[in-house]
Amino acid sequence: MLKKVVNRLIQTRWAIGFVWGGMDAVMEGSSPIEDCSLKNVDLQVDWVKMPKDRWFADPFVLDVTEKEILLLVEDYPYATRKGIISLLHIDRTTLEISARKELLELPTHLSFPAIWRKEGHIYVYPESAHIGRLDMYEYHPESEELTFVQTICDDVVWDSYITESFGEPLMFTAAHDDYQLDIYHWKEKKQRFIPGEVISSEMPDSRMGGGVFEYNRSYYYPAQDCSKSYGCAIDIKRIKVERGKWKVKSVRHIESPHPKYPIGLHTLNEYKGVVVVDVRGYRFGWIGAATDRIVKWLKRKI
């Protein structure tokens, strides 16, 4: 009984917020981006008002209009304790959720609903590692529905992102652990992404935390820094190919700026000049934080 109470008290939850000004607001610094070492960034974020019966994480901007922002998110109800994919309508004036629609639910957990816009179509391929493959769906704006298209990868992969920034469809993903970024290539005959290069790191900071983006003629991606805990921060990494070899370098480090959600920030995405992030905190605030510290102290003493 006591264990159940403790586990409930130390539960964490996620919240989402917006950074205005696009990636310039994330990347601008006092020194040139090409010359600087890793630089900490303090984001100015406006936070969305969260419901009490669930949390939202892994946000991707689906569309931006004059009145609202549409997000695809991992939707985690406390009642089921399983992630589903939902569409959120956010009022741009009040930052309140004006509508929520469940788009995809499977028997297993779903998260990270990444978006691939191609030839007028909008494709979504949420993480579904628990079923051992990666499936792609098409999003239909008129009906706000997802329809299954095909399986695009037969491996167990985590937090995948497809980009054509390097001249061909590539999928950046985590197929092994947080210490390496796996690059998959699209094979037309097989209609699958298959393993290619691997970029290893000495730190657990390689897992994708959002999409590839361009800034000042270079390409970057947000990576999840898991050195202290899962998704504790985001490292922005520059990525390029030199003489056939992939190279990455961390240039920005971003921690949660939210006083009530201080223990994590693990997703950062941009579309139409709007950047969305998620942050992690304790469900029961300072009570959860204090309980967690006591539990960790007791484990060290045992």
C-alpha atoms as a PDB file:
ATOM      1  CA  MET A   1       0.000   0.000   0.000  1.00  0.00           C
ATOM      2  CA  LEU A   2       2.798   2.419   0.971  1.00  0.00           C
ATOM      3  CA  LYS A   3       4.657   1.657  -2.250  1.00  0.00           C
ATOM      4  CA  LYS A   4       1.572   2.526  -4.310  1.00  0.00           C
ATOM      5  CA  VAL A   5       1.159   5.837  -2.475  1.00  0.00           C
ATOM      6  CA  VAL A   6       4.832   6.717  -2.974  1.00  0.00           C
ATOM      7  CA  ASN A   7       4.743   5.794  -6.658  1.00  0.00           C
ATOM      8  CA  ARG A   8       1.697   7.978  -7.136  1.00  0.00           C
ATOM      9  CA  LEU A   9       3.287  10.938  -5.346  1.00  0.00           C
ATOM     10  CA  ILE A  10       6.459  10.845  -7.474  1.00  0.00           C
ATOM     11  CA  GLN A  11       4.597  10.638 -10.788  1.00  0.00           C
ATOM     12  CA  THR A  12       5.754  13.143 -13.371  1.00  0.00           C
ATOM     13  CA  ARG A  13       3.832  14.929 -16.093  1.00  0.00           C
ATOM     14  CA  TRP A  14       4.601  17.012 -19.161  1.00  0.00           C
ATOM     15  CA  ALA A  15       3.397  20.414 -20.313  1.00  0.00           C
ATOM     16  CA  ILE A  16       3.795  22.285 -23.596  1.00  0.00           C
ATOM     17  CA  GLY A  17       4.551  25.867 -24.556  1.00  0.00           C
ATOM     18  CA  PHE A  18       5.421  28.142 -27.470  1.00  0.00           C
ATOM     19  CA  VAL A  19       8.448  30.201 -28.417  1.00  0.00           C
ATOM     20  CA  TRP A  20       7.677  33.018 -30.855  1.00  0.00           C
ATOM     21  CA  GLY A  21      10.125  34.081 -33.524  1.00  0.00           C
ATOM     22  CA  GLY A  22      10.990  30.716 -35.022  1.00  0.00           C
ATOM     23  CA  MET A  23      14.368  29.046 -34.742  1.00  0.00           C
ATOM     24  CA  ASP A  24      16.092  32.443 -34.673  1.00  0.00           C
ATOM     25  CA  ALA A  25      14.860  32.778 -31.091  1.00  0.00           C
ATOM     26  CA  VAL A  26      16.475  29.429 -30.261  1.00  0.00           C
ATOM     27  CA  MET A  27      19.731  29.773 -32.178  1.00  0.00           C
ATOM     28  CA  GLU A  28      20.737  33.412 -31.806  1.00  0.00           C
ATOM     29  CA  GLY A  29      23.648  33.979 -29.453  1.00  0.00           C
ATOM     30  CA  SER A  30      26.354  36.484 -28.623  1.00  0.00           C
ATOM     31  CA  SER A  31      28.964  34.619 -30.677  1.00  0.00           C
ATOM     32  CA  PRO A  32      28.786  33.302 -34.257  1.00  0.00           C
ATOM     33  CA  ILE A  33      27.164  29.867 -34.394  1.00  0.00           C
ATOM     34  CA  GLU A  34      29.987  28.388 -36.459  1.00  0.00           C
ATOM     35  CA  ASP A  35      32.673  29.398 -33.957  1.00  0.00           C
ATOM     36  CA  CYS A  36      31.071  29.014 -30.566  1.00  0.00           C
ATOM     37  CA  SER A  37      31.349  26.090 -28.207  1.00  0.00           C
ATOM     38  CA  LEU A  38      28.327  24.626 -26.487  1.00  0.00           C
ATOM     39  CA  LYS A  39      26.168  27.530 -25.302  1.00  0.00           C
ATOM     40  CA  ASN A  40      23.289  27.497 -22.846  1.00  0.00           C
ATOM     41  CA  VAL A  41      20.071  29.113 -24.062  1.00  0.00           C
ATOM     42  CA  ASP A  42      17.324  30.566 -21.867  1.00  0.00           C
ATOM     43  CA  LEU A  43      14.062  30.345 -23.787  1.00  0.00           C
ATOM     44  CA  GLN A  44      11.167  32.767 -23.368  1.00  0.00           C
ATOM     45  CA  VAL A  45       8.121  30.481 -23.433  1.00  0.00           C
ATOM     46  CA  ASP A  46       4.371  31.080 -23.234  1.00  0.00           C
ATOM     47  CA  TRP A  47       2.725  28.054 -21.654  1.00  0.00           C
ATOM     48  CA  VAL A  48      -0.456  26.266 -22.666  1.00  0.00           C
ATOM     49  CA  LYS A  49      -3.011  25.679 -19.915  1.00  0.00           C
ATOM     50  CA  MET A  50      -2.972  21.941 -19.137  1.00  0.00           C
ATOM     51  CA  PRO A  51      -5.889  19.704 -18.102  1.00  0.00           C
ATOM     52  CA  LYS A  52      -5.708  17.761 -14.835  1.00  0.00           C
ATOM     53  CA  ASP A  53      -6.719  14.301 -16.085  1.00  0.00           C
ATOM     54  CA  ARG A  54      -3.860  13.824 -18.586  1.00  0.00           C
ATOM     55  CA  TRP A  55      -0.649  15.263 -19.925  1.00  0.00           C
ATOM     56  CA  PHE A  56       0.649  16.055 -23.387  1.00  0.00           C
ATOM     57  CA  ALA A  57       4.191  15.603 -24.713  1.00  0.00           C
ATOM     58  CA  ASP A  58       6.132  15.199 -27.991  1.00  0.00           C
ATOM     59  CA  PRO A  59       4.349  18.130 -29.685  1.00  0.00           C
ATOM     60  CA  PHE A  60       4.637  18.706 -33.442  1.00  0.00           C
ATOM     61  CA  VAL A  61       3.118  21.782 -35.116  1.00  0.00           C
ATOM     62  CA  LEU A  62       0.592  20.651 -37.691  1.00  0.00           C
ATOM     63  CA  ASP A  63      -0.600  24.086 -38.790  1.00  0.00           C
ATOM     64  CA  VAL A  64      -0.675  27.728 -37.748  1.00  0.00           C
ATOM     65  CA  THR A  65      -3.525  30.115 -38.542  1.00  0.00           C
ATOM     66  CA  GLU A  66      -4.332  33.647 -37.460  1.00  0.00           C
ATOM     67  CA  LYS A  67      -6.509  32.396 -34.611  1.00  0.00           C
ATOM     68  CA  GLU A  68      -5.099  29.042 -33.564  1.00  0.00           C
ATOM     69  CA  ILE A  69      -2.228  26.565 -33.566  1.00  0.00           C
ATOM     70  CA  LEU A  70      -2.831  22.912 -34.354  1.00  0.00           C
ATOM     71  CA  LEU A  71      -0.620  20.360 -32.634  1.00  0.00           C
ATOM     72  CA  LEU A  72      -0.137  16.615 -32.863  1.00  0.00           C
ATOM     73  CA  VAL A  73       0.829  15.262 -29.456  1.00  0.00           C
ATOM     74  CA  GLU A  74       1.338  12.203 -27.347  1.00  0.00           C
ATOM     75  CA  ASP A  75      -1.819  12.231 -25.219  1.00  0.00           C
ATOM     76  CA  TYR A  76      -1.424  10.346 -21.927  1.00  0.00           C
ATOM     77  CA  PRO A  77      -4.619   9.954 -19.834  1.00  0.00           C
ATOM     78  CA  TYR A  78      -4.007   8.945 -16.224  1.00  0.00           C
ATOM     79  CA  ALA A  79      -6.992   6.606 -16.405  1.00  0.00           C
ATOM     80  CA  THR A  80      -5.426   4.348 -19.048  1.00  0.00           C
ATOM     81  CA  ARG A  81      -1.696   5.084 -18.561  1.00  0.00           C
ATOM     82  CA  LYS A  82      -1.089   4.575 -22.270  1.00  0.00           C
ATOM     83  CA  GLY A  83      -0.123   7.083 -24.909  1.00  0.00           C
ATOM     84  CA  ILE A  84      -2.394   7.835 -27.850  1.00  0.00           C
ATOM     85  CA  ILE A  85      -2.038  10.393 -30.647  1.00  0.00           C
ATOM     86  CA  SER A  86      -4.331  13.406 -30.442  1.00  0.00           C
ATOM     87  CA  LEU A  87      -4.906  16.668 -32.279  1.00  0.00           C
ATOM     88  CA  LEU A  88      -5.041  19.834 -30.184  1.00  0.00           C
ATOM     89  CA  HIS A  89      -6.522  23.165 -31.235  1.00  0.00           C
ATOM     90  CA  ILE A  90      -4.799  25.935 -29.259  1.00  0.00           C
ATOM     91  CA  ASP A  91      -6.318  29.428 -29.129  1.00  0.00           C
ATOM     92  CA  ARG A  92      -3.500  31.867 -29.943  1.00  0.00           C
ATOM     93  CA  THR A  93      -4.920  34.604 -27.713  1.00  0.00           C
ATOM     94  CA  THR A  94      -5.658  32.655 -24.529  1.00  0.00           C
ATOM     95  CA  LEU A  95      -3.331  29.652 -25.082  1.00  0.00           C
ATOM     96  CA  GLU A  96      -6.199  27.447 -23.988  1.00  0.00           C
ATOM     97  CA  ILE A  97      -7.024  24.124 -25.617  1.00  0.00           C
ATOM     98  CA  SER A  98     -10.224  24.851 -27.512  1.00  0.00           C
ATOM     99  CA  ALA A  99     -10.614  21.324 -28.879  1.00  0.00           C
ATOM    100  CA  ARG A 100      -9.000  17.900 -28.551  1.00  0.00           C
ATOM    101  CA  LYS A 101      -9.556  15.011 -30.935  1.00  0.00           C
ATOM    102  CA  GLU A 102      -8.159  11.514 -30.557  1.00  0.00           C
ATOM    103  CA  LEU A 103      -6.665  10.438 -33.882  1.00  0.00           C
ATOM    104  CA  LEU A 104      -4.958   7.118 -33.236  1.00  0.00           C
ATOM    105  CA  GLU A 105      -5.073   4.503 -30.502  1.00  0.00           C
ATOM    106  CA  LEU A 106      -3.500   1.039 -30.556  1.00  0.00           C
ATOM    107  CA  PRO A 107      -3.329  -1.698 -27.911  1.00  0.00           C
ATOM    108  CA  THR A 108       0.209  -0.485 -27.186  1.00  0.00           C
ATOM    109  CA  HIS A 109       1.745   2.879 -26.332  1.00  0.00           C
ATOM    110  CA  LEU A 110       2.133   5.572 -29.017  1.00  0.00           C
ATOM    111  CA  SER A 111       4.202   8.768 -28.945  1.00  0.00           C
ATOM    112  CA  PHE A 112       6.351  11.190 -31.019  1.00  0.00           C
ATOM    113  CA  PRO A 113       3.888  11.890 -33.905  1.00  0.00           C
ATOM    114  CA  ALA A 114       6.461  13.200 -36.390  1.00  0.00           C
ATOM    115  CA  ILE A 115       5.199  14.818 -39.602  1.00  0.00           C
ATOM    116  CA  TRP A 116       6.451  14.389 -43.186  1.00  0.00           C
ATOM    117  CA  ARG A 117       5.033  16.848 -45.702  1.00  0.00           C
ATOM    118  CA  LYS A 118       5.510  15.513 -49.225  1.00  0.00           C
ATOM    119  CA  GLU A 119       3.934  16.448 -52.581  1.00  0.00           C
ATOM    120  CA  GLY A 120       0.884  18.031 -51.003  1.00  0.00           C
ATOM    121  CA  HIS A 121       0.305  15.176 -48.566  1.00  0.00           C
ATOM    122  CA  ILE A 122       0.748  15.161 -44.794  1.00  0.00           C
ATOM    123  CA  TYR A 123       2.123  11.913 -43.394  1.00  0.00           C
ATOM    124  CA  VAL A 124       2.433  11.022 -39.721  1.00  0.00           C
ATOM    125  CA  TYR A 125       4.542   8.174 -38.354  1.00  0.00           C
ATOM    126  CA  PRO A 126       4.232   7.995 -34.563  1.00  0.00           C
ATOM    127  CA  GLU A 127       6.641   5.950 -32.511  1.00  0.00           C
ATOM    128  CA  SER A 128       5.239   2.451 -32.085  1.00  0.00           C
ATOM    129  CA  ALA A 129       8.304   0.570 -30.849  1.00  0.00           C
ATOM    130  CA  HIS A 130       6.183  -1.675 -28.647  1.00  0.00           C
ATOM    131  CA  ILE A 131       4.696  -3.358 -31.722  1.00  0.00           C
ATOM    132  CA  GLY A 132       8.132  -3.790 -33.300  1.00  0.00           C
ATOM    133  CA  ARG A 133       7.720  -1.675 -36.434  1.00  0.00           C
ATOM    134  CA  LEU A 134       7.107   1.843 -37.697  1.00  0.00           C
ATOM    135  CA  ASP A 135       3.871   2.572 -39.575  1.00  0.00           C
ATOM    136  CA  MET A 136       2.950   5.611 -41.639  1.00  0.00           C
ATOM    137  CA  TYR A 137      -0.463   7.281 -41.787  1.00  0.00           C
ATOM    138  CA  GLU A 138      -1.869  10.084 -43.918  1.00  0.00           C
ATOM    139  CA  TYR A 139      -3.530  13.019 -42.208  1.00  0.00           C
ATOM    140  CA  HIS A 140      -6.647  14.451 -43.876  1.00  0.00           C
ATOM    141  CA  PRO A 141      -7.218  18.099 -42.837  1.00  0.00           C
ATOM    142  CA  GLU A 142     -10.846  18.198 -43.962  1.00  0.00           C
ATOM    143  CA  SER A 143     -11.964  15.344 -41.729  1.00  0.00           C
ATOM    144  CA  GLU A 144      -9.136  15.570 -39.181  1.00  0.00           C
ATOM    145  CA  GLU A 145      -8.471  11.855 -39.496  1.00  0.00           C
ATOM    146  CA  LEU A 146      -5.510   9.529 -39.955  1.00  0.00           C
ATOM    147  CA  THR A 147      -5.619   6.617 -42.394  1.00  0.00           C
ATOM    148  CA  PHE A 148      -3.053   3.840 -42.550  1.00  0.00           C
ATOM    149  CA  VAL A 149      -0.715   3.964 -45.560  1.00  0.00           C
ATOM    150  CA  GLN A 150       1.997   1.342 -45.011  1.00  0.00           C
ATOM    151  CA  THR A 151       4.707   0.012 -42.756  1.00  0.00           C
ATOM    152  CA  ILE A 152       7.927   1.913 -43.466  1.00  0.00           C
ATOM    153  CA  CYS A 153      10.401   0.157 -41.148  1.00  0.00           C
ATOM    154  CA  ASP A 154      10.502  -3.371 -39.763  1.00  0.00           C
ATOM    155  CA  ASP A 155      12.917  -2.575 -36.926  1.00  0.00           C
ATOM    156  CA  VAL A 156      12.263  -1.439 -33.373  1.00  0.00           C
ATOM    157  CA  VAL A 157      13.073   2.282 -33.598  1.00  0.00           C
ATOM    158  CA  TRP A 158      12.524   5.172 -31.221  1.00  0.00           C
ATOM    159  CA  ASP A 159      11.661   8.825 -31.927  1.00  0.00           C
ATOM    160  CA  SER A 160      12.234   8.787 -35.686  1.00  0.00           C
ATOM    161  CA  TYR A 161      12.366  11.764 -38.027  1.00  0.00           C
ATOM    162  CA  ILE A 162      12.376  11.675 -41.849  1.00  0.00           C
ATOM    163  CA  THR A 163      14.236  14.390 -43.737  1.00  0.00           C
ATOM    164  CA  GLU A 164      15.154  15.051 -47.364  1.00  0.00           C
ATOM    165  CA  SER A 165      17.609  17.815 -46.469  1.00  0.00           C
ATOM    166  CA  PHE A 166      20.583  15.763 -47.639  1.00  0.00           C
ATOM    167  CA  GLY A 167      19.329  14.873 -51.126  1.00  0.00           C
ATOM    168  CA  GLU A 168      17.424  11.670 -50.380  1.00  0.00           C
ATOM    169  CA  PRO A 169      14.831  10.447 -47.875  1.00  0.00           C
ATOM    170  CA  LEU A 170      16.699   9.628 -44.673  1.00  0.00           C
ATOM    171  CA  MET A 171      15.322   8.605 -41.311  1.00  0.00           C
ATOM    172  CA  PHE A 172      17.214   9.712 -38.225  1.00  0.00           C
ATOM    173  CA  THR A 173      16.302   7.470 -35.305  1.00  0.00           C
ATOM    174  CA  ALA A 174      17.429   5.525 -32.251  1.00  0.00           C
ATOM    175  CA  ALA A 175      17.542   1.828 -33.007  1.00  0.00           C
ATOM    176  CA  HIS A 176      19.847   0.777 -30.187  1.00  0.00           C
ATOM    177  CA  ASP A 177      20.280   3.276 -27.355  1.00  0.00           C
ATOM    178  CA  ASP A 178      20.694   6.962 -26.549  1.00  0.00           C
ATOM    179  CA  TYR A 179      24.427   6.832 -27.311  1.00  0.00           C
ATOM    180  CA  GLN A 180      24.047   6.690 -31.063  1.00  0.00           C
ATOM    181  CA  LEU A 181      22.076   8.232 -33.880  1.00  0.00           C
ATOM    182  CA  ASP A 182      21.064   5.677 -36.501  1.00  0.00           C
ATOM    183  CA  ILE A 183      20.619   6.844 -40.088  1.00  0.00           C
ATOM    184  CA  TYR A 184      18.248   4.774 -42.221  1.00  0.00           C
ATOM    185  CA  HIS A 185      17.978   5.012 -46.040  1.00  0.00           C
ATOM    186  CA  TRP A 186      14.775   4.635 -48.045  1.00  0.00           C
ATOM    187  CA  LYS A 187      14.839   1.673 -50.460  1.00  0.00           C
ATOM    188  CA  GLU A 188      12.177   2.080 -53.129  1.00  0.00           C
ATOM    189  CA  LYS A 189      12.095  -1.596 -54.153  1.00  0.00           C
ATOM    190  CA  LYS A 190      11.591  -2.772 -50.584  1.00  0.00           C
ATOM    191  CA  GLN A 191       9.378   0.184 -49.653  1.00  0.00           C
ATOM    192  CA  ARG A 192      11.221   0.325 -46.357  1.00  0.00           C
ATOM    193  CA  PHE A 193      13.795   2.353 -44.483  1.00  0.00           C
ATOM    194  CA  ILE A 194      16.824   0.141 -43.834  1.00  0.00           C
ATOM    195  CA  PRO A 195      19.873   0.674 -41.566  1.00  0.00           C
ATOM    196  CA  GLY A 196      22.784   2.713 -42.848  1.00  0.00           C
ATOM    197  CA  GLU A 197      25.339   4.791 -40.988  1.00  0.00           C
ATOM    198  CA  VAL A 198      25.715   5.134 -37.231  1.00  0.00           C
ATOM    199  CA  ILE A 199      26.930   8.253 -35.401  1.00  0.00           C
ATOM    200  CA  SER A 200      28.160   7.345 -31.927  1.00  0.00           C
ATOM    201  CA  SER A 201      28.557   9.618 -28.914  1.00  0.00           C
ATOM    202  CA  GLU A 202      30.307   9.283 -25.570  1.00  0.00           C
ATOM    203  CA  MET A 203      27.216  10.703 -23.897  1.00  0.00           C
ATOM    204  CA  PRO A 204      23.562   9.546 -23.979  1.00  0.00           C
ATOM    205  CA  ASP A 205      22.595  12.560 -26.073  1.00  0.00           C
ATOM    206  CA  SER A 206      21.829  11.271 -29.569  1.00  0.00           C
ATOM    207  CA  ARG A 207      18.132  10.404 -29.561  1.00  0.00           C
ATOM    208  CA  MET A 208      16.027  12.736 -31.715  1.00  0.00           C
ATOM    209  CA  GLY A 209      14.166  15.446 -29.841  1.00  0.00           C
ATOM    210  CA  GLY A 210      12.426  16.939 -32.880  1.00  0.00           C
ATOM    211  CA  GLY A 211      12.998  17.614 -36.550  1.00  0.00           C
ATOM    212  CA  VAL A 212      15.963  18.567 -38.712  1.00  0.00           C
ATOM    213  CA  PHE A 213      15.997  22.271 -39.549  1.00  0.00           C
ATOM    214  CA  GLU A 214      18.132  24.716 -41.528  1.00  0.00           C
ATOM    215  CA  TYR A 215      19.752  27.809 -40.032  1.00  0.00           C
ATOM    216  CA  ASN A 216      22.347  30.018 -41.723  1.00  0.00           C
ATOM    217  CA  ARG A 217      22.914  27.445 -44.493  1.00  0.00           C
ATOM    218  CA  SER A 218      23.667  24.615 -42.073  1.00  0.00           C
ATOM    219  CA  TYR A 219      21.493  21.786 -40.780  1.00  0.00           C
ATOM    220  CA  TYR A 220      20.732  21.064 -37.144  1.00  0.00           C
ATOM    221  CA  TYR A 221      18.599  18.764 -35.050  1.00  0.00           C
ATOM    222  CA  PRO A 222      17.456  18.771 -31.419  1.00  0.00           C
ATOM    223  CA  ALA A 223      18.822  15.775 -29.503  1.00  0.00           C
ATOM    224  CA  GLN A 224      17.614  14.514 -26.152  1.00  0.00           C
ATOM    225  CA  ASP A 225      20.221  14.905 -23.424  1.00  0.00           C
ATOM    226  CA  CYS A 226      19.625  11.909 -21.153  1.00  0.00           C
ATOM    227  CA  SER A 227      22.845  12.228 -19.137  1.00  0.00           C
ATOM    228  CA  LYS A 228      21.095  12.997 -15.825  1.00  0.00           C
ATOM    229  CA  SER A 229      17.704  11.443 -16.515  1.00  0.00           C
ATOM    230  CA  TYR A 230      15.474  10.647 -19.470  1.00  0.00           C
ATOM    231  CA  GLY A 231      14.851  13.802 -21.495  1.00  0.00           C
ATOM    232  CA  CYS A 232      16.433  16.152 -18.974  1.00  0.00           C
ATOM    233  CA  ALA A 233      17.430  18.710 -21.640  1.00  0.00           C
ATOM    234  CA  ILE A 234      17.852  19.382 -25.360  1.00  0.00           C
ATOM    235  CA  ASP A 235      21.154  19.735 -27.174  1.00  0.00           C
ATOM    236  CA  ILE A 236      20.975  21.379 -30.585  1.00  0.00           C
ATOM    237  CA  LYS A 237      23.482  19.621 -32.842  1.00  0.00           C
ATOM    238  CA  ARG A 238      24.880  20.717 -36.158  1.00  0.00           C
ATOM    239  CA  ILE A 239      24.998  17.816 -38.604  1.00  0.00           C
ATOM    240  CA  LYS A 240      26.838  17.609 -41.919  1.00  0.00           C
ATOM    241  CA  VAL A 241      28.539  15.231 -44.323  1.00  0.00           C
ATOM    242  CA  GLU A 242      32.245  15.661 -45.089  1.00  0.00           C
ATOM    243  CA  ARG A 243      33.911  13.343 -47.600  1.00  0.00           C
ATOM    244  CA  GLY A 244      31.190  10.779 -47.134  1.00  0.00           C
ATOM    245  CA  LYS A 245      31.327  10.826 -43.335  1.00  0.00           C
ATOM    246  CA  TRP A 246      28.693  12.211 -40.995  1.00  0.00           C
ATOM    247  CA  LYS A 247      29.774  14.683 -38.351  1.00  0.00           C
ATOM    248  CA  VAL A 248      27.807  16.260 -35.504  1.00  0.00           C
ATOM    249  CA  LYS A 249      28.622  18.967 -32.972  1.00  0.00           C
ATOM    250  CA  SER A 250      26.556  20.261 -30.068  1.00  0.00           C
ATOM    251  CA  VAL A 251      26.147  24.036 -30.239  1.00  0.00           C
ATOM    252  CA  ARG A 252      23.203  24.863 -27.953  1.00  0.00           C
ATOM    253  CA  HIS A 253      22.023  23.416 -24.646  1.00  0.00           C
ATOM    254  CA  ILE A 254      18.473  24.091 -23.442  1.00  0.00           C
ATOM    255  CA  GLU A 255      16.976  23.177 -20.072  1.00  0.00           C
ATOM    256  CA  SER A 256      13.438  23.688 -18.864  1.00  0.00           C
ATOM    257  CA  PRO A 257      12.657  27.339 -18.056  1.00  0.00           C
ATOM    258  CA  HIS A 258       9.395  26.432 -16.288  1.00  0.00           C
ATOM    259  CA  PRO A 259       9.627  26.733 -12.461  1.00  0.00           C
ATOM    260  CA  LYS A 260       6.937  24.078 -11.907  1.00  0.00           C
ATOM    261  CA  TYR A 261       8.270  21.699 -14.574  1.00  0.00           C
ATOM    262  CA  PRO A 262      12.040  21.892 -13.973  1.00  0.00           C
ATOM    263  CA  ILE A 263      13.230  18.301 -14.468  1.00  0.00           C
ATOM    264  CA  GLY A 264      13.049  17.862 -18.220  1.00  0.00           C
ATOM    265  CA  LEU A 265      12.724  19.294 -21.710  1.00  0.00           C
ATOM    266  CA  HIS A 266      12.928  16.742 -24.502  1.00  0.00           C
ATOM    267  CA  THR A 267      11.090  17.958 -27.616  1.00  0.00           C
ATOM    268  CA  LEU A 268      11.559  21.087 -29.734  1.00  0.00           C
ATOM    269  CA  ASN A 269       9.910  21.634 -33.122  1.00  0.00           C
ATOM    270  CA  GLU A 270       9.129  24.519 -35.475  1.00  0.00           C
ATOM    271  CA  TYR A 271       6.666  25.167 -38.276  1.00  0.00           C
ATOM    272  CA  LYS A 272       5.542  28.461 -39.813  1.00  0.00           C
ATOM    273  CA  GLY A 273       7.645  30.446 -37.370  1.00  0.00           C
ATOM    274  CA  VAL A 274       6.176  28.856 -34.233  1.00  0.00           C
ATOM    275  CA  VAL A 275       8.417  26.767 -31.984  1.00  0.00           C
ATOM    276  CA  VAL A 276       6.807  24.289 -29.582  1.00  0.00           C
ATOM    277  CA  VAL A 277       8.509  22.613 -26.627  1.00  0.00           C
ATOM    278  CA  ASP A 278       7.540  20.273 -23.820  1.00  0.00           C
ATOM    279  CA  VAL A 279       8.752  20.295 -20.215  1.00  0.00           C
ATOM    280  CA  ARG A 280       8.567  17.809 -17.372  1.00  0.00           C
ATOM    281  CA  GLY A 281       7.674  18.231 -13.719  1.00  0.00           C
ATOM    282  CA  TYR A 282       6.102  16.424 -10.781  1.00  0.00           C
ATOM    283  CA  ARG A 283       2.366  15.836 -10.939  1.00  0.00           C
ATOM    284  CA  PHE A 284       1.963  16.883  -7.307  1.00  0.00           C
ATOM    285  CA  GLY A 285       4.503  19.698  -7.355  1.00  0.00           C
ATOM    286  CA  TRP A 286       6.763  20.183  -4.342  1.00  0.00           C
ATOM    287  CA  ILE A 287       5.223  17.186  -2.554  1.00  0.00           C
ATOM    288  CA  GLY A 288       6.324  14.918  -5.399  1.00  0.00           C
ATOM    289  CA  ALA A 289       9.758  16.519  -5.561  1.00  0.00           C
ATOM    290  CA  ALA A 290      10.303  16.111  -1.810  1.00  0.00           C
ATOM    291  CA  THR A 291       9.077  12.509  -1.847  1.00  0.00           C
ATOM    292  CA  ASP A 292      11.356  11.666  -4.746  1.00  0.00           C
ATOM    293  CA  ARG A 293      14.384  13.148  -2.947  1.00  0.00           C
ATOM    294  CA  ILE A 294      13.582  11.108   0.183  1.00  0.00           C
ATOM    295  CA  VAL A 295      13.197   7.896  -1.864  1.00  0.00           C
ATOM    296  CA  LYS A 296      16.536   8.456  -3.603  1.00  0.00           C
ATOM    297  CA  TRP A 297      18.227   9.249  -0.265  1.00  0.00           C
ATOM    298  CA  LEU A 298      16.876   6.032   1.280  1.00  0.00           C
ATOM    299  CA  LYS A 299      18.080   3.962  -1.682  1.00  0.00           C
ATOM    300  CA  ARG A 300      21.590   5.349  -1.238  1.00  0.00           C
ATOM    301  CA  LYS A 301      21.542   4.415   2.439  1.00  0.00           C
ATOM    302  CA  ILE A 302      20.368   0.850   1.861  1.00  0.00           C
END
